[in-house]
Amino acid sequence: MKSYKFETTNEYFDYLDFHDCFVEKIQVENERIIIDFEYIYISEQHPLNPYKVAKSTGQCRMTFNEVAFSKAFLYVDLNPVLISDLEEEEEDEKESEFEEKQVLLTDLEEMEFLTFKEKRVENDCFIFEMFGLDWRTTQGFCGLRIHAKNFTLQWNELTDDAWYVGWDNQE
């Protein structure tokens, strides 16, 4: 098992940013779900970030502990519209209608996170909800829902500035 230099928990959830982060691998082991990321972002307020700006971690691992429930799903568009079918002023526009299709957690390897939320529920348990893009199929949107006691996040180094550093100062 790979060892890491730094470790944090979901107690610091507000200082972690997963937007635009890519999943490399998902493993399910007993009551744990392990997700390896290409990188995630650690805010400048996180106690393990010594820099004055948010930084990228490089490769990292998130482990959900004491998992009680997990679900992975694709959002299937029941009314797909081809771009070639669209006209500038179409009166009878079709609205997309999506249906959840359950898949294996490992089917969402290569998922790109867009949002990640945590909600505390009874018995010191959390519901973690992740929504993103699925790059392995043509379905587009996907999600993960995990009920677990907590998660740990491990990494070895902080590398580049997060993509959004200085974004406010651009014209």
C-alpha atoms as a PDB file:
ATOM      1  CA  MET A   1       0.000   0.000   0.000  1.00  0.00           C
ATOM      2  CA  LYS A   2       1.333   3.423  -0.957  1.00  0.00           C
ATOM      3  CA  SER A   3       2.251   5.711   1.924  1.00  0.00           C
ATOM      4  CA  TYR A   4       1.583   9.447   1.979  1.00  0.00           C
ATOM      5  CA  LYS A   5       3.197  12.349   3.851  1.00  0.00           C
ATOM      6  CA  PHE A   6       0.063  14.390   4.579  1.00  0.00           C
ATOM      7  CA  GLU A   7      -3.405  13.457   5.773  1.00  0.00           C
ATOM      8  CA  THR A   8      -6.553  15.430   6.491  1.00  0.00           C
ATOM      9  CA  THR A   9     -10.161  14.504   7.163  1.00  0.00           C
ATOM     10  CA  ASN A  10     -13.616  15.729   6.224  1.00  0.00           C
ATOM     11  CA  GLU A  11     -13.453  17.923   9.356  1.00  0.00           C
ATOM     12  CA  TYR A  12     -11.658  20.327   6.986  1.00  0.00           C
ATOM     13  CA  PHE A  13     -14.132  19.792   4.132  1.00  0.00           C
ATOM     14  CA  ASP A  14     -14.644  23.530   3.604  1.00  0.00           C
ATOM     15  CA  TYR A  15     -10.924  23.909   2.825  1.00  0.00           C
ATOM     16  CA  LEU A  16     -10.915  21.260   0.075  1.00  0.00           C
ATOM     17  CA  ASP A  17     -11.943  21.865  -3.526  1.00  0.00           C
ATOM     18  CA  PHE A  18     -12.689  19.049  -5.964  1.00  0.00           C
ATOM     19  CA  HIS A  19     -14.045  21.103  -8.899  1.00  0.00           C
ATOM     20  CA  ASP A  20     -12.482  19.942 -12.204  1.00  0.00           C
ATOM     21  CA  CYS A  21     -10.582  17.138 -10.433  1.00  0.00           C
ATOM     22  CA  PHE A  22     -10.284  13.765 -12.164  1.00  0.00           C
ATOM     23  CA  VAL A  23     -10.796  10.324 -10.650  1.00  0.00           C
ATOM     24  CA  GLU A  24      -8.058   7.877 -11.620  1.00  0.00           C
ATOM     25  CA  LYS A  25      -9.266   4.769  -9.802  1.00  0.00           C
ATOM     26  CA  ILE A  26     -12.075   3.601  -7.500  1.00  0.00           C
ATOM     27  CA  GLN A  27     -11.741   0.578  -5.212  1.00  0.00           C
ATOM     28  CA  VAL A  28     -14.335  -0.991  -2.945  1.00  0.00           C
ATOM     29  CA  GLU A  29     -12.903  -2.906   0.041  1.00  0.00           C
ATOM     30  CA  ASN A  30     -15.062  -4.177   2.903  1.00  0.00           C
ATOM     31  CA  GLU A  31     -16.553  -1.044   4.495  1.00  0.00           C
ATOM     32  CA  ARG A  32     -14.239   1.350   2.633  1.00  0.00           C
ATOM     33  CA  ILE A  33     -14.332   3.107  -0.719  1.00  0.00           C
ATOM     34  CA  ILE A  34     -11.007   4.403  -1.999  1.00  0.00           C
ATOM     35  CA  ILE A  35     -10.859   7.047  -4.717  1.00  0.00           C
ATOM     36  CA  ASP A  36      -7.526   8.007  -6.260  1.00  0.00           C
ATOM     37  CA  PHE A  37      -7.406  11.463  -7.838  1.00  0.00           C
ATOM     38  CA  GLU A  38      -4.998  13.018 -10.284  1.00  0.00           C
ATOM     39  CA  TYR A  39      -5.030  15.997  -7.862  1.00  0.00           C
ATOM     40  CA  ILE A  40      -7.373  18.103  -5.741  1.00  0.00           C
ATOM     41  CA  TYR A  41      -7.070  21.639  -4.377  1.00  0.00           C
ATOM     42  CA  ILE A  42      -6.233  22.628  -0.799  1.00  0.00           C
ATOM     43  CA  SER A  43      -7.245  26.173   0.182  1.00  0.00           C
ATOM     44  CA  GLU A  44      -4.820  28.624   1.738  1.00  0.00           C
ATOM     45  CA  GLN A  45      -6.824  28.388   5.008  1.00  0.00           C
ATOM     46  CA  HIS A  46      -6.168  24.645   5.444  1.00  0.00           C
ATOM     47  CA  PRO A  47      -3.698  24.088   8.312  1.00  0.00           C
ATOM     48  CA  LEU A  48      -1.521  21.801   6.143  1.00  0.00           C
ATOM     49  CA  ASN A  49      -1.095  24.409   3.400  1.00  0.00           C
ATOM     50  CA  PRO A  50       1.836  26.699   4.309  1.00  0.00           C
ATOM     51  CA  TYR A  51       1.330  28.883   1.207  1.00  0.00           C
ATOM     52  CA  LYS A  52      -0.678  32.102   0.894  1.00  0.00           C
ATOM     53  CA  VAL A  53      -2.737  30.697  -2.004  1.00  0.00           C
ATOM     54  CA  ALA A  54      -4.721  27.542  -2.738  1.00  0.00           C
ATOM     55  CA  LYS A  55      -2.544  24.754  -4.119  1.00  0.00           C
ATOM     56  CA  SER A  56      -2.915  21.537  -6.094  1.00  0.00           C
ATOM     57  CA  THR A  57      -1.939  18.334  -4.294  1.00  0.00           C
ATOM     58  CA  GLY A  58      -0.637  16.174  -7.088  1.00  0.00           C
ATOM     59  CA  GLN A  59      -1.837  12.557  -6.940  1.00  0.00           C
ATOM     60  CA  CYS A  60      -3.896  11.880  -3.818  1.00  0.00           C
ATOM     61  CA  ARG A  61      -6.195   9.322  -2.217  1.00  0.00           C
ATOM     62  CA  MET A  62      -9.550   9.761  -0.500  1.00  0.00           C
ATOM     63  CA  THR A  63     -10.792   6.895   1.674  1.00  0.00           C
ATOM     64  CA  PHE A  64     -14.393   6.770   2.877  1.00  0.00           C
ATOM     65  CA  ASN A  65     -14.530   4.826   6.156  1.00  0.00           C
ATOM     66  CA  GLU A  66     -17.333   2.696   7.603  1.00  0.00           C
ATOM     67  CA  VAL A  67     -19.445   2.970   4.455  1.00  0.00           C
ATOM     68  CA  ALA A  68     -23.099   2.084   5.091  1.00  0.00           C
ATOM     69  CA  PHE A  69     -24.424   2.801   1.576  1.00  0.00           C
ATOM     70  CA  SER A  70     -23.065   3.720  -1.817  1.00  0.00           C
ATOM     71  CA  LYS A  71     -24.576   4.355  -5.208  1.00  0.00           C
ATOM     72  CA  ALA A  72     -23.139   5.374  -8.557  1.00  0.00           C
ATOM     73  CA  PHE A  73     -25.327   6.560 -11.389  1.00  0.00           C
ATOM     74  CA  LEU A  74     -25.376   8.046 -14.853  1.00  0.00           C
ATOM     75  CA  TYR A  75     -27.960  10.593 -15.901  1.00  0.00           C
ATOM     76  CA  VAL A  76     -29.441   9.283 -19.141  1.00  0.00           C
ATOM     77  CA  ASP A  77     -31.078  11.900 -21.401  1.00  0.00           C
ATOM     78  CA  LEU A  78     -34.471  10.525 -22.464  1.00  0.00           C
ATOM     79  CA  ASN A  79     -34.928  13.309 -25.062  1.00  0.00           C
ATOM     80  CA  PRO A  80     -31.524  13.708 -26.696  1.00  0.00           C
ATOM     81  CA  VAL A  81     -31.257  16.489 -29.261  1.00  0.00           C
ATOM     82  CA  LEU A  82     -28.546  16.569 -31.894  1.00  0.00           C
ATOM     83  CA  ILE A  83     -26.872  19.897 -32.474  1.00  0.00           C
ATOM     84  CA  SER A  84     -27.595  19.485 -36.179  1.00  0.00           C
ATOM     85  CA  ASP A  85     -31.328  19.327 -35.343  1.00  0.00           C
ATOM     86  CA  LEU A  86     -31.330  22.682 -33.593  1.00  0.00           C
ATOM     87  CA  GLU A  87     -32.486  25.796 -35.378  1.00  0.00           C
ATOM     88  CA  GLU A  88     -31.925  29.349 -34.206  1.00  0.00           C
ATOM     89  CA  GLU A  89     -35.575  30.009 -33.421  1.00  0.00           C
ATOM     90  CA  GLU A  90     -37.174  26.669 -32.777  1.00  0.00           C
ATOM     91  CA  GLU A  91     -40.708  27.011 -31.427  1.00  0.00           C
ATOM     92  CA  ASP A  92     -41.190  23.425 -30.242  1.00  0.00           C
ATOM     93  CA  GLU A  93     -37.986  23.081 -28.273  1.00  0.00           C
ATOM     94  CA  LYS A  94     -37.513  19.689 -26.658  1.00  0.00           C
ATOM     95  CA  GLU A  95     -36.586  19.841 -23.018  1.00  0.00           C
ATOM     96  CA  SER A  96     -34.069  17.377 -21.714  1.00  0.00           C
ATOM     97  CA  GLU A  97     -35.473  14.811 -19.351  1.00  0.00           C
ATOM     98  CA  PHE A  98     -32.994  12.795 -17.336  1.00  0.00           C
ATOM     99  CA  GLU A  99     -33.312   9.435 -15.651  1.00  0.00           C
ATOM    100  CA  GLU A 100     -30.854   7.968 -13.160  1.00  0.00           C
ATOM    101  CA  LYS A 101     -29.287   4.703 -14.301  1.00  0.00           C
ATOM    102  CA  GLN A 102     -27.451   2.884 -11.524  1.00  0.00           C
ATOM    103  CA  VAL A 103     -23.954   1.629 -12.399  1.00  0.00           C
ATOM    104  CA  LEU A 104     -20.999   0.153 -10.524  1.00  0.00           C
ATOM    105  CA  LEU A 105     -18.839   2.597  -8.594  1.00  0.00           C
ATOM    106  CA  THR A 106     -15.845   1.477 -10.642  1.00  0.00           C
ATOM    107  CA  ASP A 107     -17.712   2.490 -13.815  1.00  0.00           C
ATOM    108  CA  LEU A 108     -17.088   6.106 -12.823  1.00  0.00           C
ATOM    109  CA  GLU A 109     -13.313   5.934 -12.996  1.00  0.00           C
ATOM    110  CA  GLU A 110     -12.235   8.947 -15.077  1.00  0.00           C
ATOM    111  CA  MET A 111     -15.131  10.985 -13.663  1.00  0.00           C
ATOM    112  CA  GLU A 112     -14.479  14.719 -13.484  1.00  0.00           C
ATOM    113  CA  PHE A 113     -15.928  16.247 -10.312  1.00  0.00           C
ATOM    114  CA  LEU A 114     -18.033  19.377 -10.684  1.00  0.00           C
ATOM    115  CA  THR A 115     -19.573  19.529  -7.203  1.00  0.00           C
ATOM    116  CA  PHE A 116     -18.991  17.676  -3.935  1.00  0.00           C
ATOM    117  CA  LYS A 117     -21.281  18.197  -0.931  1.00  0.00           C
ATOM    118  CA  GLU A 118     -21.365  16.754   2.556  1.00  0.00           C
ATOM    119  CA  LYS A 119     -24.349  16.618   4.877  1.00  0.00           C
ATOM    120  CA  ARG A 120     -24.192  15.442   8.483  1.00  0.00           C
ATOM    121  CA  VAL A 121     -26.940  13.005   9.457  1.00  0.00           C
ATOM    122  CA  GLU A 122     -27.754  11.042  12.595  1.00  0.00           C
ATOM    123  CA  ASN A 123     -25.206   8.956  14.505  1.00  0.00           C
ATOM    124  CA  ASP A 124     -22.215  11.023  13.372  1.00  0.00           C
ATOM    125  CA  CYS A 125     -22.597   9.803   9.823  1.00  0.00           C
ATOM    126  CA  PHE A 126     -22.350  11.853   6.643  1.00  0.00           C
ATOM    127  CA  ILE A 127     -23.933  11.737   3.220  1.00  0.00           C
ATOM    128  CA  PHE A 128     -21.370  12.653   0.588  1.00  0.00           C
ATOM    129  CA  GLU A 129     -22.781  13.606  -2.828  1.00  0.00           C
ATOM    130  CA  MET A 130     -20.565  14.064  -5.851  1.00  0.00           C
ATOM    131  CA  PHE A 131     -21.785  15.230  -9.245  1.00  0.00           C
ATOM    132  CA  GLY A 132     -19.717  15.414 -12.385  1.00  0.00           C
ATOM    133  CA  LEU A 133     -18.973  14.465 -15.946  1.00  0.00           C
ATOM    134  CA  ASP A 134     -18.464  10.916 -17.140  1.00  0.00           C
ATOM    135  CA  TRP A 135     -15.818  10.810 -19.852  1.00  0.00           C
ATOM    136  CA  ARG A 136     -15.965   7.031 -20.481  1.00  0.00           C
ATOM    137  CA  THR A 137     -19.484   6.942 -21.894  1.00  0.00           C
ATOM    138  CA  THR A 138     -21.642   9.202 -24.008  1.00  0.00           C
ATOM    139  CA  GLN A 139     -24.091   9.805 -21.147  1.00  0.00           C
ATOM    140  CA  GLY A 140     -22.434  12.971 -19.907  1.00  0.00           C
ATOM    141  CA  PHE A 141     -23.473  13.595 -16.313  1.00  0.00           C
ATOM    142  CA  CYS A 142     -22.943  11.192 -13.432  1.00  0.00           C
ATOM    143  CA  GLY A 143     -22.887  11.049  -9.662  1.00  0.00           C
ATOM    144  CA  LEU A 144     -21.835   9.206  -6.537  1.00  0.00           C
ATOM    145  CA  ARG A 145     -23.702   9.079  -3.246  1.00  0.00           C
ATOM    146  CA  ILE A 146     -21.882   7.628  -0.246  1.00  0.00           C
ATOM    147  CA  HIS A 147     -23.073   7.331   3.359  1.00  0.00           C
ATOM    148  CA  ALA A 148     -20.023   6.942   5.595  1.00  0.00           C
ATOM    149  CA  LYS A 149     -18.668   7.823   9.017  1.00  0.00           C
ATOM    150  CA  ASN A 150     -15.944  10.051   7.510  1.00  0.00           C
ATOM    151  CA  PHE A 151     -13.207  10.276   4.940  1.00  0.00           C
ATOM    152  CA  THR A 152      -9.474  10.785   5.000  1.00  0.00           C
ATOM    153  CA  LEU A 153      -7.544  12.483   2.225  1.00  0.00           C
ATOM    154  CA  GLN A 154      -3.844  11.764   1.737  1.00  0.00           C
ATOM    155  CA  TRP A 155      -1.187  13.330  -0.519  1.00  0.00           C
ATOM    156  CA  ASN A 156       2.568  13.801  -0.726  1.00  0.00           C
ATOM    157  CA  GLU A 157       3.114  17.355  -1.897  1.00  0.00           C
ATOM    158  CA  LEU A 158       1.513  20.630  -2.828  1.00  0.00           C
ATOM    159  CA  THR A 159       2.466  21.528  -6.378  1.00  0.00           C
ATOM    160  CA  ASP A 160       1.001  24.272  -8.574  1.00  0.00           C
ATOM    161  CA  ASP A 161      -1.328  27.083  -7.626  1.00  0.00           C
ATOM    162  CA  ALA A 162      -5.003  26.134  -7.943  1.00  0.00           C
ATOM    163  CA  TRP A 163      -6.479  27.109 -11.327  1.00  0.00           C
ATOM    164  CA  TYR A 164      -8.592  29.836  -9.756  1.00  0.00           C
ATOM    165  CA  VAL A 165      -5.739  31.662  -7.974  1.00  0.00           C
ATOM    166  CA  GLY A 166      -5.705  35.220  -9.332  1.00  0.00           C
ATOM    167  CA  TRP A 167      -9.000  34.670 -11.159  1.00  0.00           C
ATOM    168  CA  ASP A 168     -10.582  37.632  -9.318  1.00  0.00           C
ATOM    169  CA  ASN A 169      -7.834  39.973 -10.555  1.00  0.00           C
ATOM    170  CA  GLN A 170      -8.253  39.195 -14.256  1.00  0.00           C
ATOM    171  CA  GLU A 171     -10.099  41.660 -16.443  1.00  0.00           C
END
